[in-house]
Amino acid sequence: NTNYADSVKGRFTISRDNAKNTVYLQMN
């Protein structure tokens, strides 16, 4: 489940890959 600051909603996407122990932030 994700949450975002209002200033980035609709532009940024957070995701995670538990197999790679990695979290991502896609910023558009």
mmCIF file of all heavy atoms, coordinates in Angstrom:
data_MODEL
# 
_entry.id   MODEL 
# 
loop_
_atom_site.group_PDB 
_atom_site.id 
_atom_site.type_symbol 
_atom_site.label_atom_id 
_atom_site.label_alt_id 
_atom_site.label_comp_id 
_atom_site.label_asym_id 
_atom_site.label_entity_id 
_atom_site.label_seq_id 
_atom_site.pdbx_PDB_ins_code 
_atom_site.Cartn_x 
_atom_site.Cartn_y 
_atom_site.Cartn_z 
_atom_site.occupancy 
_atom_site.B_iso_or_equiv 
_atom_site.pdbx_formal_charge 
_atom_site.auth_seq_id 
_atom_site.auth_comp_id 
_atom_site.auth_asym_id 
_atom_site.auth_atom_id 
_atom_site.pdbx_PDB_model_num 
ATOM 1   N N   . ASN A 1 1  ? 0.860  -1.173  0.000   1.00 0.00 ? 1  ASN A N   1 
ATOM 2   C CA  . ASN A 1 1  ? 0.000  0.000   0.000   1.00 0.00 ? 1  ASN A CA  1 
ATOM 3   C C   . ASN A 1 1  ? 0.905  1.234   0.000   1.00 0.00 ? 1  ASN A C   1 
ATOM 4   O O   . ASN A 1 1  ? 1.962  1.245   0.647   1.00 0.00 ? 1  ASN A O   1 
ATOM 5   C CB  . ASN A 1 1  ? -0.905 0.009   1.225   1.00 0.00 ? 1  ASN A CB  1 
ATOM 6   C CG  . ASN A 1 1  ? -1.921 -1.113  1.184   1.00 0.00 ? 1  ASN A CG  1 
ATOM 7   O OD1 . ASN A 1 1  ? -2.572 -1.343  0.175   1.00 0.00 ? 1  ASN A OD1 1 
ATOM 8   N ND2 . ASN A 1 1  ? -2.050 -1.843  2.287   1.00 0.00 ? 1  ASN A ND2 1 
ATOM 9   N N   . THR A 1 2  ? 0.462  2.263   -0.702  1.00 0.00 ? 2  THR A N   1 
ATOM 10  C CA  . THR A 1 2  ? 1.327  3.431   -0.897  1.00 0.00 ? 2  THR A CA  1 
ATOM 11  C C   . THR A 1 2  ? 0.670  4.706   -0.384  1.00 0.00 ? 2  THR A C   1 
ATOM 12  O O   . THR A 1 2  ? -0.563 4.794   -0.277  1.00 0.00 ? 2  THR A O   1 
ATOM 13  C CB  . THR A 1 2  ? 1.665  3.609   -2.383  1.00 0.00 ? 2  THR A CB  1 
ATOM 14  O OG1 . THR A 1 2  ? 0.457  3.768   -3.130  1.00 0.00 ? 2  THR A OG1 1 
ATOM 15  C CG2 . THR A 1 2  ? 2.445  2.426   -2.914  1.00 0.00 ? 2  THR A CG2 1 
ATOM 16  N N   . ASN A 1 3  ? 1.506  5.675   -0.043  1.00 0.00 ? 3  ASN A N   1 
ATOM 17  C CA  . ASN A 1 3  ? 1.026  7.001   0.296   1.00 0.00 ? 3  ASN A CA  1 
ATOM 18  C C   . ASN A 1 3  ? 1.990  8.016   -0.282  1.00 0.00 ? 3  ASN A C   1 
ATOM 19  O O   . ASN A 1 3  ? 3.180  7.732   -0.431  1.00 0.00 ? 3  ASN A O   1 
ATOM 20  C CB  . ASN A 1 3  ? 0.872  7.171   1.812   1.00 0.00 ? 3  ASN A CB  1 
ATOM 21  C CG  . ASN A 1 3  ? 2.174  6.961   2.568   1.00 0.00 ? 3  ASN A CG  1 
ATOM 22  O OD1 . ASN A 1 3  ? 2.622  5.840   2.764   1.00 0.00 ? 3  ASN A OD1 1 
ATOM 23  N ND2 . ASN A 1 3  ? 2.801  8.062   2.987   1.00 0.00 ? 3  ASN A ND2 1 
ATOM 24  N N   . TYR A 1 4  ? 1.455  9.201   -0.604  1.00 0.00 ? 4  TYR A N   1 
ATOM 25  C CA  . TYR A 1 4  ? 2.245  10.231  -1.279  1.00 0.00 ? 4  TYR A CA  1 
ATOM 26  C C   . TYR A 1 4  ? 1.976  11.601  -0.682  1.00 0.00 ? 4  TYR A C   1 
ATOM 27  O O   . TYR A 1 4  ? 0.859  11.888  -0.235  1.00 0.00 ? 4  TYR A O   1 
ATOM 28  C CB  . TYR A 1 4  ? 1.891  10.283  -2.766  1.00 0.00 ? 4  TYR A CB  1 
ATOM 29  C CG  . TYR A 1 4  ? 2.211  9.024   -3.521  1.00 0.00 ? 4  TYR A CG  1 
ATOM 30  C CD1 . TYR A 1 4  ? 1.249  8.037   -3.697  1.00 0.00 ? 4  TYR A CD1 1 
ATOM 31  C CD2 . TYR A 1 4  ? 3.480  8.812   -4.054  1.00 0.00 ? 4  TYR A CD2 1 
ATOM 32  C CE1 . TYR A 1 4  ? 1.540  6.871   -4.388  1.00 0.00 ? 4  TYR A CE1 1 
ATOM 33  C CE2 . TYR A 1 4  ? 3.784  7.651   -4.743  1.00 0.00 ? 4  TYR A CE2 1 
ATOM 34  C CZ  . TYR A 1 4  ? 2.806  6.681   -4.901  1.00 0.00 ? 4  TYR A CZ  1 
ATOM 35  O OH  . TYR A 1 4  ? 3.097  5.522   -5.584  1.00 0.00 ? 4  TYR A OH  1 
ATOM 36  N N   . ALA A 1 5  ? 2.986  12.436  -0.737  1.00 0.00 ? 5  ALA A N   1 
ATOM 37  C CA  . ALA A 1 5  ? 2.773  13.843  -0.441  1.00 0.00 ? 5  ALA A CA  1 
ATOM 38  C C   . ALA A 1 5  ? 1.889  14.435  -1.533  1.00 0.00 ? 5  ALA A C   1 
ATOM 39  O O   . ALA A 1 5  ? 1.959  14.031  -2.697  1.00 0.00 ? 5  ALA A O   1 
ATOM 40  C CB  . ALA A 1 5  ? 4.113  14.571  -0.400  1.00 0.00 ? 5  ALA A CB  1 
ATOM 41  N N   . ASP A 1 6  ? 1.054  15.395  -1.161  1.00 0.00 ? 6  ASP A N   1 
ATOM 42  C CA  . ASP A 1 6  ? 0.147  16.011  -2.136  1.00 0.00 ? 6  ASP A CA  1 
ATOM 43  C C   . ASP A 1 6  ? 0.909  16.604  -3.315  1.00 0.00 ? 6  ASP A C   1 
ATOM 44  O O   . ASP A 1 6  ? 0.429  16.576  -4.449  1.00 0.00 ? 6  ASP A O   1 
ATOM 45  C CB  . ASP A 1 6  ? -0.691 17.098  -1.462  1.00 0.00 ? 6  ASP A CB  1 
ATOM 46  C CG  . ASP A 1 6  ? -1.756 16.530  -0.550  1.00 0.00 ? 6  ASP A CG  1 
ATOM 47  O OD1 . ASP A 1 6  ? -2.062 15.323  -0.652  1.00 0.00 ? 6  ASP A OD1 1 
ATOM 48  O OD2 . ASP A 1 6  ? -2.287 17.298  0.274   1.00 0.00 ? 6  ASP A OD2 1 
ATOM 49  N N   . SER A 1 7  ? 2.086  17.102  -3.051  1.00 0.00 ? 7  SER A N   1 
ATOM 50  C CA  . SER A 1 7  ? 2.854  17.796  -4.082  1.00 0.00 ? 7  SER A CA  1 
ATOM 51  C C   . SER A 1 7  ? 3.356  16.860  -5.187  1.00 0.00 ? 7  SER A C   1 
ATOM 52  O O   . SER A 1 7  ? 3.754  17.335  -6.254  1.00 0.00 ? 7  SER A O   1 
ATOM 53  C CB  . SER A 1 7  ? 4.046  18.523  -3.460  1.00 0.00 ? 7  SER A CB  1 
ATOM 54  O OG  . SER A 1 7  ? 4.892  17.608  -2.772  1.00 0.00 ? 7  SER A OG  1 
ATOM 55  N N   . VAL A 1 8  ? 3.354  15.557  -4.936  1.00 0.00 ? 8  VAL A N   1 
ATOM 56  C CA  . VAL A 1 8  ? 3.880  14.630  -5.945  1.00 0.00 ? 8  VAL A CA  1 
ATOM 57  C C   . VAL A 1 8  ? 2.833  13.638  -6.443  1.00 0.00 ? 8  VAL A C   1 
ATOM 58  O O   . VAL A 1 8  ? 3.121  12.833  -7.338  1.00 0.00 ? 8  VAL A O   1 
ATOM 59  C CB  . VAL A 1 8  ? 5.111  13.849  -5.414  1.00 0.00 ? 8  VAL A CB  1 
ATOM 60  C CG1 . VAL A 1 8  ? 6.169  14.820  -4.884  1.00 0.00 ? 8  VAL A CG1 1 
ATOM 61  C CG2 . VAL A 1 8  ? 4.718  12.835  -4.344  1.00 0.00 ? 8  VAL A CG2 1 
ATOM 62  N N   . LYS A 1 9  ? 1.638  13.689  -5.896  1.00 0.00 ? 9  LYS A N   1 
ATOM 63  C CA  . LYS A 1 9  ? 0.600  12.751  -6.324  1.00 0.00 ? 9  LYS A CA  1 
ATOM 64  C C   . LYS A 1 9  ? 0.349  12.871  -7.819  1.00 0.00 ? 9  LYS A C   1 
ATOM 65  O O   . LYS A 1 9  ? 0.245  13.972  -8.355  1.00 0.00 ? 9  LYS A O   1 
ATOM 66  C CB  . LYS A 1 9  ? -0.697 13.016  -5.558  1.00 0.00 ? 9  LYS A CB  1 
ATOM 67  C CG  . LYS A 1 9  ? -0.726 12.417  -4.166  1.00 0.00 ? 9  LYS A CG  1 
ATOM 68  C CD  . LYS A 1 9  ? -2.041 12.700  -3.467  1.00 0.00 ? 9  LYS A CD  1 
ATOM 69  C CE  . LYS A 1 9  ? -2.040 12.147  -2.045  1.00 0.00 ? 9  LYS A CE  1 
ATOM 70  N NZ  . LYS A 1 9  ? -3.276 12.508  -1.311  1.00 0.00 ? 9  LYS A NZ  1 
ATOM 71  N N   . GLY A 1 10 ? 0.256  11.720  -8.476  1.00 0.00 ? 10 GLY A N   1 
ATOM 72  C CA  . GLY A 1 10 ? 0.019  11.707  -9.910  1.00 0.00 ? 10 GLY A CA  1 
ATOM 73  C C   . GLY A 1 10 ? 1.282  11.831  -10.740 1.00 0.00 ? 10 GLY A C   1 
ATOM 74  O O   . GLY A 1 10 ? 1.248  11.629  -11.957 1.00 0.00 ? 10 GLY A O   1 
ATOM 75  N N   . ARG A 1 11 ? 2.404  12.167  -10.100 1.00 0.00 ? 11 ARG A N   1 
ATOM 76  C CA  . ARG A 1 11 ? 3.661  12.316  -10.842 1.00 0.00 ? 11 ARG A CA  1 
ATOM 77  C C   . ARG A 1 11 ? 4.703  11.278  -10.406 1.00 0.00 ? 11 ARG A C   1 
ATOM 78  O O   . ARG A 1 11 ? 5.510  10.835  -11.226 1.00 0.00 ? 11 ARG A O   1 
ATOM 79  C CB  . ARG A 1 11 ? 4.246  13.709  -10.619 1.00 0.00 ? 11 ARG A CB  1 
ATOM 80  C CG  . ARG A 1 11 ? 3.343  14.836  -11.094 1.00 0.00 ? 11 ARG A CG  1 
ATOM 81  C CD  . ARG A 1 11 ? 4.066  16.184  -11.036 1.00 0.00 ? 11 ARG A CD  1 
ATOM 82  N NE  . ARG A 1 11 ? 4.461  16.561  -9.685  1.00 0.00 ? 11 ARG A NE  1 
ATOM 83  C CZ  . ARG A 1 11 ? 5.719  16.827  -9.320  1.00 0.00 ? 11 ARG A CZ  1 
ATOM 84  N NH1 . ARG A 1 11 ? 6.710  16.749  -10.213 1.00 0.00 ? 11 ARG A NH1 1 
ATOM 85  N NH2 . ARG A 1 11 ? 5.990  17.179  -8.082  1.00 0.00 ? 11 ARG A NH2 1 
ATOM 86  N N   . PHE A 1 12 ? 4.711  10.931  -9.126  1.00 0.00 ? 12 PHE A N   1 
ATOM 87  C CA  . PHE A 1 12 ? 5.692  9.986   -8.586  1.00 0.00 ? 12 PHE A CA  1 
ATOM 88  C C   . PHE A 1 12 ? 5.007  8.664   -8.255  1.00 0.00 ? 12 PHE A C   1 
ATOM 89  O O   . PHE A 1 12 ? 3.845  8.633   -7.848  1.00 0.00 ? 12 PHE A O   1 
ATOM 90  C CB  . PHE A 1 12 ? 6.323  10.524  -7.304  1.00 0.00 ? 12 PHE A CB  1 
ATOM 91  C CG  . PHE A 1 12 ? 7.236  11.706  -7.476  1.00 0.00 ? 12 PHE A CG  1 
ATOM 92  C CD1 . PHE A 1 12 ? 7.330  12.403  -8.670  1.00 0.00 ? 12 PHE A CD1 1 
ATOM 93  C CD2 . PHE A 1 12 ? 8.023  12.137  -6.406  1.00 0.00 ? 12 PHE A CD2 1 
ATOM 94  C CE1 . PHE A 1 12 ? 8.170  13.489  -8.818  1.00 0.00 ? 12 PHE A CE1 1 
ATOM 95  C CE2 . PHE A 1 12 ? 8.873  13.209  -6.522  1.00 0.00 ? 12 PHE A CE2 1 
ATOM 96  C CZ  . PHE A 1 12 ? 8.930  13.896  -7.740  1.00 0.00 ? 12 PHE A CZ  1 
ATOM 97  N N   . THR A 1 13 ? 5.763  7.577   -8.406  1.00 0.00 ? 13 THR A N   1 
ATOM 98  C CA  . THR A 1 13 ? 5.271  6.251   -8.061  1.00 0.00 ? 13 THR A CA  1 
ATOM 99  C C   . THR A 1 13 ? 6.340  5.497   -7.277  1.00 0.00 ? 13 THR A C   1 
ATOM 100 O O   . THR A 1 13 ? 7.475  5.365   -7.753  1.00 0.00 ? 13 THR A O   1 
ATOM 101 C CB  . THR A 1 13 ? 4.904  5.451   -9.316  1.00 0.00 ? 13 THR A CB  1 
ATOM 102 O OG1 . THR A 1 13 ? 3.927  6.163   -10.082 1.00 0.00 ? 13 THR A OG1 1 
ATOM 103 C CG2 . THR A 1 13 ? 4.331  4.090   -8.929  1.00 0.00 ? 13 THR A CG2 1 
ATOM 104 N N   . ILE A 1 14 ? 5.968  5.041   -6.110  1.00 0.00 ? 14 ILE A N   1 
ATOM 105 C CA  . ILE A 1 14 ? 6.871  4.224   -5.306  1.00 0.00 ? 14 ILE A CA  1 
ATOM 106 C C   . ILE A 1 14 ? 6.515  2.749   -5.514  1.00 0.00 ? 14 ILE A C   1 
ATOM 107 O O   . ILE A 1 14 ? 5.341  2.396   -5.650  1.00 0.00 ? 14 ILE A O   1 
ATOM 108 C CB  . ILE A 1 14 ? 6.799  4.610   -3.812  1.00 0.00 ? 14 ILE A CB  1 
ATOM 109 C CG1 . ILE A 1 14 ? 7.895  3.897   -3.012  1.00 0.00 ? 14 ILE A CG1 1 
ATOM 110 C CG2 . ILE A 1 14 ? 5.421  4.343   -3.232  1.00 0.00 ? 14 ILE A CG2 1 
ATOM 111 C CD1 . ILE A 1 14 ? 8.017  4.405   -1.570  1.00 0.00 ? 14 ILE A CD1 1 
ATOM 112 N N   . SER A 1 15 ? 7.538  1.913   -5.545  1.00 0.00 ? 15 SER A N   1 
ATOM 113 C CA  . SER A 1 15 ? 7.312  0.475   -5.680  1.00 0.00 ? 15 SER A CA  1 
ATOM 114 C C   . SER A 1 15 ? 8.450  -0.263  -4.979  1.00 0.00 ? 15 SER A C   1 
ATOM 115 O O   . SER A 1 15 ? 9.470  0.334   -4.635  1.00 0.00 ? 15 SER A O   1 
ATOM 116 C CB  . SER A 1 15 ? 7.228  0.072   -7.152  1.00 0.00 ? 15 SER A CB  1 
ATOM 117 O OG  . SER A 1 15 ? 8.442  0.355   -7.828  1.00 0.00 ? 15 SER A OG  1 
ATOM 118 N N   . ARG A 1 16 ? 8.244  -1.552  -4.775  1.00 0.00 ? 16 ARG A N   1 
ATOM 119 C CA  . ARG A 1 16 ? 9.275  -2.339  -4.105  1.00 0.00 ? 16 ARG A CA  1 
ATOM 120 C C   . ARG A 1 16 ? 9.393  -3.704  -4.771  1.00 0.00 ? 16 ARG A C   1 
ATOM 121 O O   . ARG A 1 16 ? 8.418  -4.233  -5.294  1.00 0.00 ? 16 ARG A O   1 
ATOM 122 C CB  . ARG A 1 16 ? 8.966  -2.499  -2.619  1.00 0.00 ? 16 ARG A CB  1 
ATOM 123 C CG  . ARG A 1 16 ? 7.708  -3.274  -2.277  1.00 0.00 ? 16 ARG A CG  1 
ATOM 124 C CD  . ARG A 1 16 ? 7.362  -3.145  -0.794  1.00 0.00 ? 16 ARG A CD  1 
ATOM 125 N NE  . ARG A 1 16 ? 8.422  -3.651  0.070   1.00 0.00 ? 16 ARG A NE  1 
ATOM 126 C CZ  . ARG A 1 16 ? 8.581  -3.273  1.338   1.00 0.00 ? 16 ARG A CZ  1 
ATOM 127 N NH1 . ARG A 1 16 ? 7.746  -2.394  1.887   1.00 0.00 ? 16 ARG A NH1 1 
ATOM 128 N NH2 . ARG A 1 16 ? 9.573  -3.789  2.061   1.00 0.00 ? 16 ARG A NH2 1 
ATOM 129 N N   . ASP A 1 17 ? 10.598 -4.246  -4.710  1.00 0.00 ? 17 ASP A N   1 
ATOM 130 C CA  . ASP A 1 17 ? 10.865 -5.594  -5.198  1.00 0.00 ? 17 ASP A CA  1 
ATOM 131 C C   . ASP A 1 17 ? 11.535 -6.332  -4.038  1.00 0.00 ? 17 ASP A C   1 
ATOM 132 O O   . ASP A 1 17 ? 12.724 -6.153  -3.795  1.00 0.00 ? 17 ASP A O   1 
ATOM 133 C CB  . ASP A 1 17 ? 11.773 -5.542  -6.431  1.00 0.00 ? 17 ASP A CB  1 
ATOM 134 C CG  . ASP A 1 17 ? 12.005 -6.907  -7.062  1.00 0.00 ? 17 ASP A CG  1 
ATOM 135 O OD1 . ASP A 1 17 ? 11.850 -7.919  -6.357  1.00 0.00 ? 17 ASP A OD1 1 
ATOM 136 O OD2 . ASP A 1 17 ? 12.364 -6.957  -8.241  1.00 0.00 ? 17 ASP A OD2 1 
ATOM 137 N N   . ASN A 1 18 ? 10.756 -7.128  -3.335  1.00 0.00 ? 18 ASN A N   1 
ATOM 138 C CA  . ASN A 1 18 ? 11.290 -7.809  -2.162  1.00 0.00 ? 18 ASN A CA  1 
ATOM 139 C C   . ASN A 1 18 ? 12.352 -8.844  -2.526  1.00 0.00 ? 18 ASN A C   1 
ATOM 140 O O   . ASN A 1 18 ? 13.230 -9.140  -1.715  1.00 0.00 ? 18 ASN A O   1 
ATOM 141 C CB  . ASN A 1 18 ? 10.164 -8.473  -1.376  1.00 0.00 ? 18 ASN A CB  1 
ATOM 142 C CG  . ASN A 1 18 ? 9.269  -7.453  -0.679  1.00 0.00 ? 18 ASN A CG  1 
ATOM 143 O OD1 . ASN A 1 18 ? 9.681  -6.312  -0.424  1.00 0.00 ? 18 ASN A OD1 1 
ATOM 144 N ND2 . ASN A 1 18 ? 8.046  -7.848  -0.401  1.00 0.00 ? 18 ASN A ND2 1 
ATOM 145 N N   . ALA A 1 19 ? 12.286 -9.385  -3.721  1.00 0.00 ? 19 ALA A N   1 
ATOM 146 C CA  . ALA A 1 19 ? 13.290 -10.352 -4.149  1.00 0.00 ? 19 ALA A CA  1 
ATOM 147 C C   . ALA A 1 19 ? 14.659 -9.696  -4.319  1.00 0.00 ? 19 ALA A C   1 
ATOM 148 O O   . ALA A 1 19 ? 15.696 -10.347 -4.176  1.00 0.00 ? 19 ALA A O   1 
ATOM 149 C CB  . ALA A 1 19 ? 12.866 -11.021 -5.444  1.00 0.00 ? 19 ALA A CB  1 
ATOM 150 N N   . LYS A 1 20 ? 14.633 -8.390  -4.626  1.00 0.00 ? 20 LYS A N   1 
ATOM 151 C CA  . LYS A 1 20 ? 15.892 -7.658  -4.834  1.00 0.00 ? 20 LYS A CA  1 
ATOM 152 C C   . LYS A 1 20 ? 16.225 -6.747  -3.666  1.00 0.00 ? 20 LYS A C   1 
ATOM 153 O O   . LYS A 1 20 ? 17.208 -5.997  -3.719  1.00 0.00 ? 20 LYS A O   1 
ATOM 154 C CB  . LYS A 1 20 ? 15.812 -6.837  -6.119  1.00 0.00 ? 20 LYS A CB  1 
ATOM 155 C CG  . LYS A 1 20 ? 15.691 -7.688  -7.378  1.00 0.00 ? 20 LYS A CG  1 
ATOM 156 C CD  . LYS A 1 20 ? 15.675 -6.818  -8.619  1.00 0.00 ? 20 LYS A CD  1 
ATOM 157 C CE  . LYS A 1 20 ? 15.617 -7.671  -9.882  1.00 0.00 ? 20 LYS A CE  1 
ATOM 158 N NZ  . LYS A 1 20 ? 15.593 -6.846  -11.114 1.00 0.00 ? 20 LYS A NZ  1 
ATOM 159 N N   . ASN A 1 21 ? 15.390 -6.774  -2.629  1.00 0.00 ? 21 ASN A N   1 
ATOM 160 C CA  . ASN A 1 21 ? 15.604 -5.884  -1.466  1.00 0.00 ? 21 ASN A CA  1 
ATOM 161 C C   . ASN A 1 21 ? 15.757 -4.431  -1.905  1.00 0.00 ? 21 ASN A C   1 
ATOM 162 O O   . ASN A 1 21 ? 16.618 -3.704  -1.395  1.00 0.00 ? 21 ASN A O   1 
ATOM 163 C CB  . ASN A 1 21 ? 16.840 -6.322  -0.673  1.00 0.00 ? 21 ASN A CB  1 
ATOM 164 C CG  . ASN A 1 21 ? 16.634 -7.618  0.091   1.00 0.00 ? 21 ASN A CG  1 
ATOM 165 O OD1 . ASN A 1 21 ? 15.532 -8.158  0.120   1.00 0.00 ? 21 ASN A OD1 1 
ATOM 166 N ND2 . ASN A 1 21 ? 17.686 -8.117  0.695   1.00 0.00 ? 21 ASN A ND2 1 
ATOM 167 N N   . THR A 1 22 ? 14.918 -4.011  -2.817  1.00 0.00 ? 22 THR A N   1 
ATOM 168 C CA  . THR A 1 22 ? 15.056 -2.694  -3.416  1.00 0.00 ? 22 THR A CA  1 
ATOM 169 C C   . THR A 1 22 ? 13.708 -1.979  -3.472  1.00 0.00 ? 22 THR A C   1 
ATOM 170 O O   . THR A 1 22 ? 12.683 -2.590  -3.774  1.00 0.00 ? 22 THR A O   1 
ATOM 171 C CB  . THR A 1 22 ? 15.652 -2.798  -4.830  1.00 0.00 ? 22 THR A CB  1 
ATOM 172 O OG1 . THR A 1 22 ? 16.940 -3.424  -4.749  1.00 0.00 ? 22 THR A OG1 1 
ATOM 173 C CG2 . THR A 1 22 ? 15.819 -1.429  -5.465  1.00 0.00 ? 22 THR A CG2 1 
ATOM 174 N N   . VAL A 1 23 ? 13.753 -0.681  -3.175  1.00 0.00 ? 23 VAL A N   1 
ATOM 175 C CA  . VAL A 1 23 ? 12.587 0.186   -3.324  1.00 0.00 ? 23 VAL A CA  1 
ATOM 176 C C   . VAL A 1 23 ? 12.918 1.224   -4.388  1.00 0.00 ? 23 VAL A C   1 
ATOM 177 O O   . VAL A 1 23 ? 14.059 1.684   -4.490  1.00 0.00 ? 23 VAL A O   1 
ATOM 178 C CB  . VAL A 1 23 ? 12.192 0.827   -1.977  1.00 0.00 ? 23 VAL A CB  1 
ATOM 179 C CG1 . VAL A 1 23 ? 13.297 1.709   -1.418  1.00 0.00 ? 23 VAL A CG1 1 
ATOM 180 C CG2 . VAL A 1 23 ? 10.896 1.611   -2.107  1.00 0.00 ? 23 VAL A CG2 1 
ATOM 181 N N   . TYR A 1 24 ? 11.916 1.581   -5.172  1.00 0.00 ? 24 TYR A N   1 
ATOM 182 C CA  . TYR A 1 24 ? 12.096 2.497   -6.291  1.00 0.00 ? 24 TYR A CA  1 
ATOM 183 C C   . TYR A 1 24 ? 11.204 3.719   -6.124  1.00 0.00 ? 24 TYR A C   1 
ATOM 184 O O   . TYR A 1 24 ? 10.163 3.664   -5.476  1.00 0.00 ? 24 TYR A O   1 
ATOM 185 C CB  . TYR A 1 24 ? 11.740 1.802   -7.605  1.00 0.00 ? 24 TYR A CB  1 
ATOM 186 C CG  . TYR A 1 24 ? 12.516 0.539   -7.874  1.00 0.00 ? 24 TYR A CG  1 
ATOM 187 C CD1 . TYR A 1 24 ? 11.960 -0.707  -7.569  1.00 0.00 ? 24 TYR A CD1 1 
ATOM 188 C CD2 . TYR A 1 24 ? 13.793 0.578   -8.427  1.00 0.00 ? 24 TYR A CD2 1 
ATOM 189 C CE1 . TYR A 1 24 ? 12.663 -1.884  -7.806  1.00 0.00 ? 24 TYR A CE1 1 
ATOM 190 C CE2 . TYR A 1 24 ? 14.507 -0.584  -8.671  1.00 0.00 ? 24 TYR A CE2 1 
ATOM 191 C CZ  . TYR A 1 24 ? 13.934 -1.809  -8.362  1.00 0.00 ? 24 TYR A CZ  1 
ATOM 192 O OH  . TYR A 1 24 ? 14.631 -2.974  -8.602  1.00 0.00 ? 24 TYR A OH  1 
ATOM 193 N N   . LEU A 1 25 ? 11.623 4.798   -6.762  1.00 0.00 ? 25 LEU A N   1 
ATOM 194 C CA  . LEU A 1 25 ? 10.784 5.981   -6.871  1.00 0.00 ? 25 LEU A CA  1 
ATOM 195 C C   . LEU A 1 25 ? 10.863 6.460   -8.315  1.00 0.00 ? 25 LEU A C   1 
ATOM 196 O O   . LEU A 1 25 ? 11.890 6.983   -8.740  1.00 0.00 ? 25 LEU A O   1 
ATOM 197 C CB  . LEU A 1 25 ? 11.226 7.090   -5.914  1.00 0.00 ? 25 LEU A CB  1 
ATOM 198 C CG  . LEU A 1 25 ? 10.297 8.298   -5.874  1.00 0.00 ? 25 LEU A CG  1 
ATOM 199 C CD1 . LEU A 1 25 ? 8.943  7.921   -5.259  1.00 0.00 ? 25 LEU A CD1 1 
ATOM 200 C CD2 . LEU A 1 25 ? 10.925 9.457   -5.092  1.00 0.00 ? 25 LEU A CD2 1 
ATOM 201 N N   . GLN A 1 26 ? 9.783  6.235   -9.047  1.00 0.00 ? 26 GLN A N   1 
ATOM 202 C CA  . GLN A 1 26 ? 9.693  6.734   -10.418 1.00 0.00 ? 26 GLN A CA  1 
ATOM 203 C C   . GLN A 1 26 ? 9.143  8.151   -10.362 1.00 0.00 ? 26 GLN A C   1 
ATOM 204 O O   . GLN A 1 26 ? 8.058  8.381   -9.811  1.00 0.00 ? 26 GLN A O   1 
ATOM 205 C CB  . GLN A 1 26 ? 8.765  5.844   -11.249 1.00 0.00 ? 26 GLN A CB  1 
ATOM 206 C CG  . GLN A 1 26 ? 8.559  6.324   -12.677 1.00 0.00 ? 26 GLN A CG  1 
ATOM 207 C CD  . GLN A 1 26 ? 9.823  6.244   -13.514 1.00 0.00 ? 26 GLN A CD  1 
ATOM 208 O OE1 . GLN A 1 26 ? 10.555 5.259   -13.457 1.00 0.00 ? 26 GLN A OE1 1 
ATOM 209 N NE2 . GLN A 1 26 ? 10.076 7.285   -14.296 1.00 0.00 ? 26 GLN A NE2 1 
ATOM 210 N N   . MET A 1 27 ? 9.897  9.087   -10.907 1.00 0.00 ? 27 MET A N   1 
ATOM 211 C CA  . MET A 1 27 ? 9.519  10.494  -10.857 1.00 0.00 ? 27 MET A CA  1 
ATOM 212 C C   . MET A 1 27 ? 9.326  11.000  -12.269 1.00 0.00 ? 27 MET A C   1 
ATOM 213 O O   . MET A 1 27 ? 10.280 11.007  -13.068 1.00 0.00 ? 27 MET A O   1 
ATOM 214 C CB  . MET A 1 27 ? 10.604 11.302  -10.140 1.00 0.00 ? 27 MET A CB  1 
ATOM 215 C CG  . MET A 1 27 ? 10.933 10.776  -8.755  1.00 0.00 ? 27 MET A CG  1 
ATOM 216 S SD  . MET A 1 27 ? 12.094 11.830  -7.856  1.00 0.00 ? 27 MET A SD  1 
ATOM 217 C CE  . MET A 1 27 ? 13.550 11.655  -8.877  1.00 0.00 ? 27 MET A CE  1 
ATOM 218 N N   . ASN A 1 28 ? 8.101  11.393  -12.574 1.00 0.00 ? 28 ASN A N   1 
ATOM 219 C CA  . ASN A 1 28 ? 7.759  11.927  -13.892 1.00 0.00 ? 28 ASN A CA  1 
ATOM 220 C C   . ASN A 1 28 ? 7.331  13.382  -13.774 1.00 0.00 ? 28 ASN A C   1 
ATOM 221 O O   . ASN A 1 28 ? 7.014  13.866  -12.687 1.00 0.00 ? 28 ASN A O   1 
ATOM 222 C CB  . ASN A 1 28 ? 6.639  11.102  -14.514 1.00 0.00 ? 28 ASN A CB  1 
ATOM 223 C CG  . ASN A 1 28 ? 7.018  9.651   -14.729 1.00 0.00 ? 28 ASN A CG  1 
ATOM 224 O OD1 . ASN A 1 28 ? 8.172  9.319   -14.989 1.00 0.00 ? 28 ASN A OD1 1 
ATOM 225 N ND2 . ASN A 1 28 ? 6.032  8.772   -14.626 1.00 0.00 ? 28 ASN A ND2 1 
# 
